[in-house]
N, C-alpha and C. Protein backbone atom coordinates (compact mmCIF):
# COMPACT_ATOMS: atom_id res chain seq x y z
N UNK A 1 11.24 30.14 70.64
CA UNK A 1 10.29 30.52 71.65
C UNK A 1 10.00 32.01 71.52
N UNK A 2 8.75 32.37 71.69
CA UNK A 2 8.34 33.76 71.62
C UNK A 2 8.90 34.51 72.83
N UNK A 3 9.46 35.71 72.61
CA UNK A 3 9.99 36.48 73.74
C UNK A 3 8.89 36.86 74.72
N UNK A 4 9.29 37.05 75.97
CA UNK A 4 8.34 37.43 77.02
C UNK A 4 8.55 38.89 77.39
N UNK A 5 7.47 39.56 77.74
CA UNK A 5 7.58 40.93 78.24
C UNK A 5 6.96 40.99 79.62
N UNK A 6 7.56 41.80 80.48
CA UNK A 6 7.06 41.95 81.84
C UNK A 6 5.70 42.63 81.80
N UNK A 7 4.75 42.03 82.51
CA UNK A 7 3.41 42.60 82.54
C UNK A 7 3.14 43.27 83.88
N UNK A 8 3.36 42.55 84.97
CA UNK A 8 3.08 43.14 86.28
C UNK A 8 3.71 42.33 87.39
N UNK A 9 3.83 42.97 88.53
CA UNK A 9 4.31 42.29 89.73
C UNK A 9 3.09 41.71 90.45
N UNK A 10 3.19 40.44 90.84
CA UNK A 10 2.09 39.77 91.53
C UNK A 10 2.27 39.86 93.05
N UNK A 11 3.50 39.62 93.50
CA UNK A 11 3.84 39.68 94.92
C UNK A 11 5.16 40.39 95.10
N UNK A 12 5.28 41.15 96.17
CA UNK A 12 6.56 41.76 96.51
C UNK A 12 7.06 41.15 97.81
N UNK A 13 8.31 41.46 98.17
CA UNK A 13 8.99 40.81 99.29
C UNK A 13 8.14 40.75 100.56
N UNK A 14 7.54 41.86 100.97
CA UNK A 14 6.77 41.87 102.23
C UNK A 14 5.57 40.94 102.15
N UNK A 15 4.92 40.89 100.99
CA UNK A 15 3.78 39.99 100.81
C UNK A 15 4.24 38.53 100.83
N UNK A 16 5.37 38.24 100.22
CA UNK A 16 5.92 36.88 100.22
C UNK A 16 6.21 36.45 101.65
N UNK A 17 6.83 37.33 102.42
CA UNK A 17 7.14 37.01 103.82
C UNK A 17 5.87 36.76 104.62
N UNK A 18 4.84 37.56 104.40
CA UNK A 18 3.57 37.39 105.12
C UNK A 18 2.92 36.05 104.77
N UNK A 19 2.94 35.70 103.48
CA UNK A 19 2.35 34.42 103.05
C UNK A 19 3.13 33.24 103.62
N UNK A 20 4.46 33.33 103.61
CA UNK A 20 5.27 32.24 104.17
C UNK A 20 5.04 32.09 105.68
N UNK A 21 4.85 33.21 106.37
CA UNK A 21 4.56 33.15 107.80
C UNK A 21 3.23 32.43 108.05
N UNK A 22 2.23 32.75 107.25
CA UNK A 22 0.93 32.07 107.39
C UNK A 22 1.07 30.58 107.11
N UNK A 23 1.79 30.25 106.05
CA UNK A 23 1.98 28.85 105.70
C UNK A 23 2.74 28.11 106.81
N UNK A 24 3.71 28.77 107.42
CA UNK A 24 4.47 28.16 108.52
C UNK A 24 3.53 27.83 109.69
N UNK A 25 2.65 28.74 110.03
CA UNK A 25 1.67 28.48 111.10
C UNK A 25 0.77 27.30 110.74
N UNK A 26 0.36 27.23 109.49
CA UNK A 26 -0.49 26.11 109.04
C UNK A 26 0.26 24.78 109.14
N UNK A 27 1.54 24.78 108.82
CA UNK A 27 2.34 23.55 108.92
C UNK A 27 2.43 23.09 110.37
N UNK A 28 2.69 24.02 111.27
CA UNK A 28 2.78 23.68 112.70
C UNK A 28 1.44 23.12 113.18
N UNK A 29 0.36 23.78 112.82
CA UNK A 29 -0.97 23.36 113.27
C UNK A 29 -1.33 21.98 112.73
N UNK A 30 -1.16 21.76 111.44
CA UNK A 30 -1.54 20.48 110.83
C UNK A 30 -0.73 19.32 111.39
N UNK A 31 0.56 19.56 111.66
CA UNK A 31 1.44 18.49 112.12
C UNK A 31 1.55 18.43 113.64
N UNK A 32 0.75 19.23 114.33
CA UNK A 32 0.74 19.29 115.79
C UNK A 32 2.16 19.47 116.33
N UNK A 33 2.84 20.46 115.77
CA UNK A 33 4.23 20.74 116.15
C UNK A 33 5.16 20.40 115.00
N UNK A 34 6.44 20.38 115.31
CA UNK A 34 7.43 20.18 114.26
C UNK A 34 8.38 19.02 114.53
N UNK A 35 8.11 18.22 115.55
CA UNK A 35 9.07 17.18 115.94
C UNK A 35 9.33 16.15 114.85
N UNK A 36 8.38 15.91 113.95
CA UNK A 36 8.56 14.90 112.92
C UNK A 36 8.66 15.50 111.51
N UNK A 37 8.71 16.83 111.43
CA UNK A 37 8.66 17.52 110.14
C UNK A 37 10.07 17.75 109.58
N UNK A 38 10.19 17.52 108.26
CA UNK A 38 11.39 17.89 107.50
C UNK A 38 10.93 18.68 106.28
N UNK A 39 11.76 19.59 105.81
CA UNK A 39 11.44 20.41 104.65
C UNK A 39 12.39 20.07 103.51
N UNK A 40 11.83 19.93 102.30
CA UNK A 40 12.65 19.70 101.11
C UNK A 40 12.17 20.64 100.01
N UNK A 41 13.07 21.50 99.54
CA UNK A 41 12.75 22.43 98.47
C UNK A 41 13.14 21.87 97.13
N UNK A 42 12.34 22.17 96.11
CA UNK A 42 12.64 21.74 94.74
C UNK A 42 13.49 22.82 94.10
N UNK A 43 14.64 22.40 93.54
CA UNK A 43 15.49 23.37 92.84
C UNK A 43 14.74 23.96 91.67
N UNK A 44 14.74 25.23 91.45
CA UNK A 44 15.52 26.25 92.10
C UNK A 44 14.67 27.15 92.99
N UNK A 45 13.48 27.49 92.55
CA UNK A 45 12.63 28.40 93.34
C UNK A 45 12.28 27.85 94.71
N UNK A 46 11.97 26.58 94.77
CA UNK A 46 11.64 25.95 96.05
C UNK A 46 12.82 25.91 97.00
N UNK A 47 14.02 25.84 96.45
CA UNK A 47 15.23 25.81 97.28
C UNK A 47 15.43 27.15 98.00
N UNK A 48 15.04 28.23 97.36
CA UNK A 48 15.13 29.55 98.00
C UNK A 48 14.04 29.67 99.06
N UNK A 49 12.83 29.29 98.72
CA UNK A 49 11.71 29.44 99.65
C UNK A 49 11.82 28.53 100.86
N UNK A 50 12.42 27.34 100.70
CA UNK A 50 12.51 26.40 101.82
C UNK A 50 13.32 27.00 102.96
N UNK A 51 14.37 27.74 102.63
CA UNK A 51 15.16 28.38 103.69
C UNK A 51 14.36 29.47 104.40
N UNK A 52 13.61 30.25 103.64
CA UNK A 52 12.78 31.29 104.25
C UNK A 52 11.68 30.67 105.11
N UNK A 53 11.09 29.58 104.64
CA UNK A 53 10.05 28.90 105.40
C UNK A 53 10.63 28.33 106.69
N UNK A 54 11.82 27.77 106.62
CA UNK A 54 12.48 27.24 107.82
C UNK A 54 12.72 28.35 108.84
N UNK A 55 13.10 29.54 108.38
CA UNK A 55 13.29 30.67 109.29
C UNK A 55 11.98 31.04 109.98
N UNK A 56 10.89 31.02 109.23
CA UNK A 56 9.57 31.33 109.80
C UNK A 56 9.19 30.29 110.86
N UNK A 57 9.47 29.02 110.58
CA UNK A 57 9.16 27.95 111.53
C UNK A 57 9.98 28.10 112.81
N UNK A 58 11.24 28.54 112.69
CA UNK A 58 12.09 28.77 113.87
C UNK A 58 11.53 29.89 114.74
N UNK A 59 10.91 30.88 114.13
CA UNK A 59 10.30 31.96 114.89
C UNK A 59 9.10 31.46 115.68
N UNK A 60 8.38 30.48 115.12
CA UNK A 60 7.18 29.95 115.79
C UNK A 60 7.57 28.99 116.91
N UNK A 61 8.47 28.05 116.60
CA UNK A 61 8.90 27.05 117.58
C UNK A 61 10.42 27.07 117.65
N UNK A 62 10.94 27.97 118.47
CA UNK A 62 12.38 28.20 118.52
C UNK A 62 13.18 27.03 119.07
N UNK A 63 12.55 26.09 119.75
CA UNK A 63 13.28 24.96 120.33
C UNK A 63 13.53 23.84 119.33
N UNK A 64 12.89 23.91 118.17
CA UNK A 64 13.04 22.85 117.17
C UNK A 64 13.65 23.43 115.90
N UNK A 65 14.74 22.82 115.46
CA UNK A 65 15.38 23.23 114.21
C UNK A 65 14.97 22.21 113.14
N UNK A 66 14.06 22.58 112.28
CA UNK A 66 13.53 21.67 111.26
C UNK A 66 14.61 21.39 110.22
N UNK A 67 14.91 20.10 109.96
CA UNK A 67 15.89 19.77 108.93
C UNK A 67 15.43 20.26 107.55
N UNK A 68 16.39 20.78 106.78
CA UNK A 68 16.10 21.35 105.46
C UNK A 68 16.99 20.68 104.42
N UNK A 69 16.37 20.29 103.30
CA UNK A 69 17.10 19.70 102.20
C UNK A 69 16.62 20.26 100.88
N UNK A 70 17.31 19.88 99.80
CA UNK A 70 16.98 20.33 98.46
C UNK A 70 17.04 19.13 97.52
N UNK A 71 16.04 19.02 96.64
CA UNK A 71 16.01 17.93 95.66
C UNK A 71 16.10 18.51 94.25
N UNK A 72 16.93 17.87 93.44
CA UNK A 72 17.02 18.23 92.03
C UNK A 72 16.21 17.20 91.24
N UNK A 73 15.32 17.66 90.39
CA UNK A 73 14.41 16.74 89.69
C UNK A 73 14.75 16.57 88.22
N UNK A 74 15.87 17.12 87.79
CA UNK A 74 16.21 17.15 86.36
C UNK A 74 16.04 15.80 85.68
N UNK A 75 16.60 14.75 86.25
CA UNK A 75 16.55 13.44 85.59
C UNK A 75 15.19 12.74 85.73
N UNK A 76 14.29 13.33 86.50
CA UNK A 76 12.96 12.76 86.68
C UNK A 76 11.91 13.44 85.81
N UNK A 77 12.30 14.48 85.08
CA UNK A 77 11.34 15.23 84.27
C UNK A 77 10.86 14.38 83.10
N UNK A 78 9.62 14.60 82.69
CA UNK A 78 9.08 13.85 81.54
C UNK A 78 9.15 14.67 80.25
N UNK A 79 9.81 15.83 80.32
CA UNK A 79 9.92 16.68 79.14
C UNK A 79 11.37 16.90 78.71
N UNK A 80 12.26 15.98 79.10
CA UNK A 80 13.65 16.11 78.66
C UNK A 80 13.72 15.97 77.15
N UNK A 81 14.50 16.82 76.54
CA UNK A 81 14.68 16.77 75.09
C UNK A 81 16.01 16.09 74.79
N UNK A 82 16.47 16.22 73.58
CA UNK A 82 17.75 15.62 73.20
C UNK A 82 18.94 16.40 73.74
N UNK A 83 18.69 17.56 74.33
CA UNK A 83 19.76 18.35 74.93
C UNK A 83 20.31 17.62 76.15
N UNK A 84 21.56 17.86 76.46
CA UNK A 84 22.16 17.29 77.66
C UNK A 84 21.66 18.12 78.85
N UNK A 85 20.96 17.48 79.79
CA UNK A 85 20.41 18.24 80.91
C UNK A 85 21.50 18.70 81.88
N UNK A 86 21.25 19.82 82.53
CA UNK A 86 22.14 20.32 83.58
C UNK A 86 21.63 19.76 84.90
N UNK A 87 22.38 18.81 85.44
CA UNK A 87 21.98 18.16 86.68
C UNK A 87 22.70 18.82 87.85
N UNK A 88 21.93 19.22 88.83
CA UNK A 88 22.49 19.82 90.05
C UNK A 88 22.37 18.80 91.16
N UNK A 89 22.88 19.12 92.31
CA UNK A 89 22.90 18.13 93.39
C UNK A 89 21.59 18.11 94.16
N UNK A 90 21.27 16.92 94.64
CA UNK A 90 20.24 16.76 95.64
C UNK A 90 20.97 16.71 96.97
N UNK A 91 20.54 17.51 97.91
CA UNK A 91 21.20 17.58 99.21
C UNK A 91 20.15 17.42 100.31
N UNK A 92 19.97 16.18 100.74
CA UNK A 92 19.05 15.88 101.84
C UNK A 92 19.88 15.16 102.89
N UNK A 93 20.48 15.91 103.82
CA UNK A 93 21.43 15.34 104.78
C UNK A 93 20.77 14.74 106.03
N UNK A 94 19.61 14.13 105.84
CA UNK A 94 18.88 13.52 106.95
C UNK A 94 18.02 12.41 106.38
N UNK A 95 17.61 11.50 107.23
CA UNK A 95 16.72 10.44 106.79
C UNK A 95 15.30 10.95 106.63
N UNK A 96 14.59 10.42 105.64
CA UNK A 96 13.21 10.83 105.42
C UNK A 96 12.21 9.74 105.81
N UNK A 97 12.72 8.55 106.14
CA UNK A 97 11.85 7.44 106.52
C UNK A 97 10.95 7.83 107.69
N UNK A 98 9.65 7.59 107.53
CA UNK A 98 8.65 7.83 108.58
C UNK A 98 8.59 9.28 109.06
N UNK A 99 9.06 10.21 108.26
CA UNK A 99 8.99 11.62 108.61
C UNK A 99 7.82 12.27 107.87
N UNK A 100 7.35 13.40 108.38
CA UNK A 100 6.36 14.21 107.68
C UNK A 100 7.14 15.21 106.83
N UNK A 101 7.23 14.91 105.54
CA UNK A 101 8.05 15.69 104.62
C UNK A 101 7.19 16.75 103.96
N UNK A 102 7.60 18.00 104.08
CA UNK A 102 6.92 19.10 103.40
C UNK A 102 7.77 19.48 102.19
N UNK A 103 7.22 19.22 101.02
CA UNK A 103 7.87 19.53 99.75
C UNK A 103 7.52 20.97 99.40
N UNK A 104 8.52 21.79 99.09
CA UNK A 104 8.31 23.22 98.90
C UNK A 104 8.68 23.61 97.47
N UNK A 105 7.78 24.34 96.82
CA UNK A 105 8.07 24.87 95.49
C UNK A 105 7.50 26.28 95.37
N UNK A 106 7.96 27.01 94.37
CA UNK A 106 7.52 28.39 94.22
C UNK A 106 6.17 28.49 93.52
N UNK A 107 6.03 27.87 92.34
CA UNK A 107 4.82 28.05 91.55
C UNK A 107 4.29 26.69 91.10
N UNK A 108 3.04 26.41 91.43
CA UNK A 108 2.38 25.18 91.02
C UNK A 108 1.57 25.48 89.76
N UNK A 109 1.86 24.73 88.70
CA UNK A 109 1.21 24.97 87.41
C UNK A 109 0.57 23.66 86.96
N UNK A 110 1.20 22.91 86.11
CA UNK A 110 0.61 21.68 85.57
C UNK A 110 0.64 20.52 86.54
N UNK A 111 1.58 20.55 87.49
CA UNK A 111 1.75 19.45 88.44
C UNK A 111 2.89 18.51 88.04
N UNK A 112 3.44 18.70 86.87
CA UNK A 112 4.49 17.79 86.39
C UNK A 112 5.79 17.93 87.18
N UNK A 113 6.14 19.12 87.60
CA UNK A 113 7.33 19.30 88.43
C UNK A 113 7.15 18.57 89.76
N UNK A 114 5.98 18.67 90.34
CA UNK A 114 5.73 18.01 91.62
C UNK A 114 5.77 16.49 91.44
N UNK A 115 5.20 15.98 90.35
CA UNK A 115 5.26 14.55 90.09
C UNK A 115 6.70 14.08 90.00
N UNK A 116 7.54 14.85 89.34
CA UNK A 116 8.96 14.51 89.24
C UNK A 116 9.62 14.51 90.61
N UNK A 117 9.28 15.50 91.42
CA UNK A 117 9.85 15.59 92.77
C UNK A 117 9.40 14.41 93.63
N UNK A 118 8.15 14.01 93.50
CA UNK A 118 7.66 12.85 94.25
C UNK A 118 8.44 11.59 93.88
N UNK A 119 8.70 11.42 92.59
CA UNK A 119 9.49 10.26 92.14
C UNK A 119 10.89 10.30 92.75
N UNK A 120 11.50 11.47 92.75
CA UNK A 120 12.85 11.61 93.30
C UNK A 120 12.86 11.33 94.81
N UNK A 121 11.87 11.83 95.52
CA UNK A 121 11.78 11.62 96.98
C UNK A 121 11.59 10.14 97.29
N UNK A 122 10.68 9.48 96.60
CA UNK A 122 10.40 8.07 96.86
C UNK A 122 11.63 7.20 96.59
N UNK A 123 12.47 7.62 95.64
CA UNK A 123 13.71 6.88 95.40
C UNK A 123 14.66 6.97 96.60
N UNK A 124 14.49 7.98 97.45
CA UNK A 124 15.36 8.16 98.61
C UNK A 124 14.83 7.50 99.87
N UNK A 125 13.57 7.15 99.89
CA UNK A 125 12.99 6.54 101.08
C UNK A 125 11.48 6.71 101.09
N UNK A 126 10.88 6.30 102.21
CA UNK A 126 9.43 6.35 102.32
C UNK A 126 9.01 7.21 103.51
N UNK A 127 8.70 8.49 103.24
CA UNK A 127 8.22 9.34 104.33
C UNK A 127 6.86 8.86 104.83
N UNK A 128 6.54 9.24 106.06
CA UNK A 128 5.22 8.94 106.61
C UNK A 128 4.15 9.66 105.79
N UNK A 129 4.39 10.95 105.54
CA UNK A 129 3.51 11.75 104.68
C UNK A 129 4.37 12.66 103.82
N UNK A 130 3.81 13.05 102.67
CA UNK A 130 4.41 14.10 101.86
C UNK A 130 3.34 15.16 101.67
N UNK A 131 3.65 16.35 102.15
CA UNK A 131 2.73 17.48 102.05
C UNK A 131 3.37 18.49 101.09
N UNK A 132 2.53 19.25 100.41
CA UNK A 132 3.03 20.20 99.42
C UNK A 132 2.74 21.63 99.83
N UNK A 133 3.81 22.44 99.87
CA UNK A 133 3.69 23.87 100.15
C UNK A 133 4.16 24.64 98.91
N UNK A 134 3.28 25.49 98.38
CA UNK A 134 3.63 26.31 97.21
C UNK A 134 3.27 27.76 97.48
N UNK A 135 4.11 28.64 97.01
CA UNK A 135 3.84 30.07 97.19
C UNK A 135 2.68 30.50 96.32
N UNK A 136 2.66 30.07 95.05
CA UNK A 136 1.62 30.46 94.10
C UNK A 136 1.03 29.21 93.45
N UNK A 137 -0.29 29.15 93.38
CA UNK A 137 -0.98 28.13 92.59
C UNK A 137 -1.65 28.87 91.45
N UNK A 138 -1.19 28.59 90.23
CA UNK A 138 -1.74 29.31 89.07
C UNK A 138 -2.73 28.47 88.27
N UNK A 139 -3.09 27.28 88.76
CA UNK A 139 -4.08 26.47 88.06
C UNK A 139 -3.51 25.77 86.84
N UNK A 140 -4.39 25.35 85.95
CA UNK A 140 -4.03 24.68 84.69
C UNK A 140 -3.40 23.30 84.91
N UNK A 141 -3.88 22.57 85.90
CA UNK A 141 -3.30 21.28 86.23
C UNK A 141 -3.49 20.26 85.13
N UNK A 142 -2.46 19.47 84.87
CA UNK A 142 -2.50 18.33 83.96
C UNK A 142 -2.50 17.01 84.73
N UNK A 143 -2.17 17.09 86.00
CA UNK A 143 -2.14 15.92 86.87
C UNK A 143 -2.93 16.24 88.14
N UNK A 144 -3.47 15.23 88.80
CA UNK A 144 -4.30 15.48 89.99
C UNK A 144 -3.44 15.77 91.23
N UNK A 145 -2.82 16.94 91.24
CA UNK A 145 -1.93 17.35 92.33
C UNK A 145 -2.42 18.69 92.86
N UNK A 146 -2.52 18.79 94.19
CA UNK A 146 -2.97 20.02 94.83
C UNK A 146 -2.02 20.36 95.98
N UNK A 147 -1.89 21.64 96.27
CA UNK A 147 -1.08 22.08 97.40
C UNK A 147 -1.82 21.92 98.72
N UNK A 148 -1.10 21.50 99.75
CA UNK A 148 -1.66 21.46 101.10
C UNK A 148 -1.58 22.83 101.75
N UNK A 149 -0.54 23.57 101.41
CA UNK A 149 -0.33 24.93 101.92
C UNK A 149 -0.07 25.81 100.70
N UNK A 150 -0.97 26.74 100.46
CA UNK A 150 -0.87 27.60 99.28
C UNK A 150 -0.84 29.05 99.74
N UNK A 151 0.21 29.76 99.32
CA UNK A 151 0.30 31.18 99.68
C UNK A 151 -0.78 32.00 99.01
N UNK A 152 -0.89 31.85 97.68
CA UNK A 152 -1.86 32.65 96.94
C UNK A 152 -2.24 31.91 95.66
N UNK A 153 -3.50 32.00 95.30
CA UNK A 153 -3.97 31.47 94.02
C UNK A 153 -4.07 32.63 93.04
N UNK A 154 -3.48 32.45 91.87
CA UNK A 154 -3.46 33.50 90.85
C UNK A 154 -3.96 32.91 89.55
N UNK A 155 -5.02 33.50 89.01
CA UNK A 155 -5.53 33.04 87.72
C UNK A 155 -4.65 33.59 86.61
N UNK A 156 -4.19 32.69 85.75
CA UNK A 156 -3.36 33.09 84.62
C UNK A 156 -3.87 32.41 83.36
N UNK A 157 -3.42 32.93 82.24
CA UNK A 157 -3.67 32.26 80.97
C UNK A 157 -2.47 31.40 80.65
N UNK A 158 -2.63 30.48 79.71
CA UNK A 158 -1.51 29.62 79.33
C UNK A 158 -0.34 30.38 78.74
N UNK A 159 -0.61 31.50 78.07
CA UNK A 159 0.49 32.24 77.45
C UNK A 159 1.17 33.20 78.43
N UNK A 160 0.74 33.18 79.67
CA UNK A 160 1.38 33.99 80.70
C UNK A 160 2.30 33.10 81.53
N UNK A 161 3.34 33.69 82.07
CA UNK A 161 4.32 32.95 82.85
C UNK A 161 4.60 33.70 84.14
N UNK A 162 4.74 32.98 85.24
CA UNK A 162 5.12 33.58 86.51
C UNK A 162 6.55 33.20 86.82
N UNK A 163 7.29 34.13 87.39
CA UNK A 163 8.67 33.86 87.76
C UNK A 163 8.97 34.46 89.12
N UNK A 164 9.60 33.64 89.97
CA UNK A 164 10.06 34.11 91.27
C UNK A 164 11.42 34.77 91.08
N UNK A 165 11.52 36.02 91.48
CA UNK A 165 12.79 36.74 91.38
C UNK A 165 13.50 36.67 92.73
N UNK A 166 14.81 36.54 92.67
CA UNK A 166 15.64 36.37 93.85
C UNK A 166 16.55 37.59 93.99
N UNK A 167 16.67 38.09 95.22
CA UNK A 167 17.60 39.19 95.49
C UNK A 167 18.29 38.88 96.82
N UNK A 168 19.63 38.82 96.80
CA UNK A 168 20.41 38.50 98.00
C UNK A 168 19.98 37.19 98.66
N UNK A 169 19.69 36.19 97.85
CA UNK A 169 19.35 34.87 98.37
C UNK A 169 17.95 34.78 98.96
N UNK A 170 17.12 35.78 98.75
CA UNK A 170 15.75 35.80 99.28
C UNK A 170 14.77 36.02 98.13
N UNK A 171 13.59 35.43 98.27
CA UNK A 171 12.52 35.69 97.30
C UNK A 171 12.13 37.15 97.43
N UNK A 172 12.22 37.89 96.33
CA UNK A 172 11.96 39.32 96.42
C UNK A 172 10.71 39.76 95.66
N UNK A 173 10.28 38.97 94.68
CA UNK A 173 9.18 39.42 93.84
C UNK A 173 8.68 38.23 93.03
N UNK A 174 7.40 38.22 92.71
CA UNK A 174 6.85 37.29 91.74
C UNK A 174 6.28 38.15 90.63
N UNK A 175 6.78 37.90 89.42
CA UNK A 175 6.42 38.74 88.28
C UNK A 175 5.67 37.93 87.25
N UNK A 176 4.65 38.55 86.66
CA UNK A 176 3.88 37.95 85.58
C UNK A 176 4.46 38.44 84.27
N UNK A 177 4.76 37.49 83.38
CA UNK A 177 5.25 37.81 82.04
C UNK A 177 4.22 37.32 81.03
N UNK A 178 4.17 37.98 79.90
CA UNK A 178 3.27 37.57 78.84
C UNK A 178 4.05 37.44 77.54
N UNK A 179 3.69 36.47 76.72
CA UNK A 179 4.36 36.33 75.44
C UNK A 179 4.02 37.54 74.58
N UNK A 180 5.05 38.04 73.90
CA UNK A 180 4.81 39.16 72.98
C UNK A 180 4.12 38.64 71.75
N UNK A 181 3.19 39.40 71.25
CA UNK A 181 2.46 38.97 70.07
C UNK A 181 3.39 38.95 68.86
N UNK A 182 3.18 37.99 67.99
CA UNK A 182 4.04 37.85 66.82
C UNK A 182 3.47 38.53 65.59
N UNK A 183 2.53 39.47 65.80
CA UNK A 183 1.94 40.17 64.65
C UNK A 183 2.74 41.35 64.22
């Protein structure tokens, strides 16, 4: 694989917090409250953001504690190679049947990660709805998947990569990387 070099910062901590706050308000509005809402983050970036999003929701509706879970999609991926995959735990300590499930991820790109997460969720039960919340939508979809709640849309090229950086268990930065030229 061609090495990557840091190109620029797309979002910093305060901007991430502001976007998550807006998305939290949109979730409350669309679902007419939070009584039937559960949050599930996709490992790994979504797992960090889901906790921050849950904190934002608690600020809006302090009387409701939205259940939070994490799904690992490793065995559902369609790009597994001959390598032995590193499987982490799925931790959804609540029922999802007939709930409004908000699936949370950091960066939406081709849609394949989300497709894998949908397969994993459906294996666990049948939510009333599955809504998608993503911090960044960078386009280049290969599957017909769109976010219901999008923090920011960022145009990128295929040779560019976005990465959510974590500091002290919180999303601290989204950085754009570019492949170094091989000339």
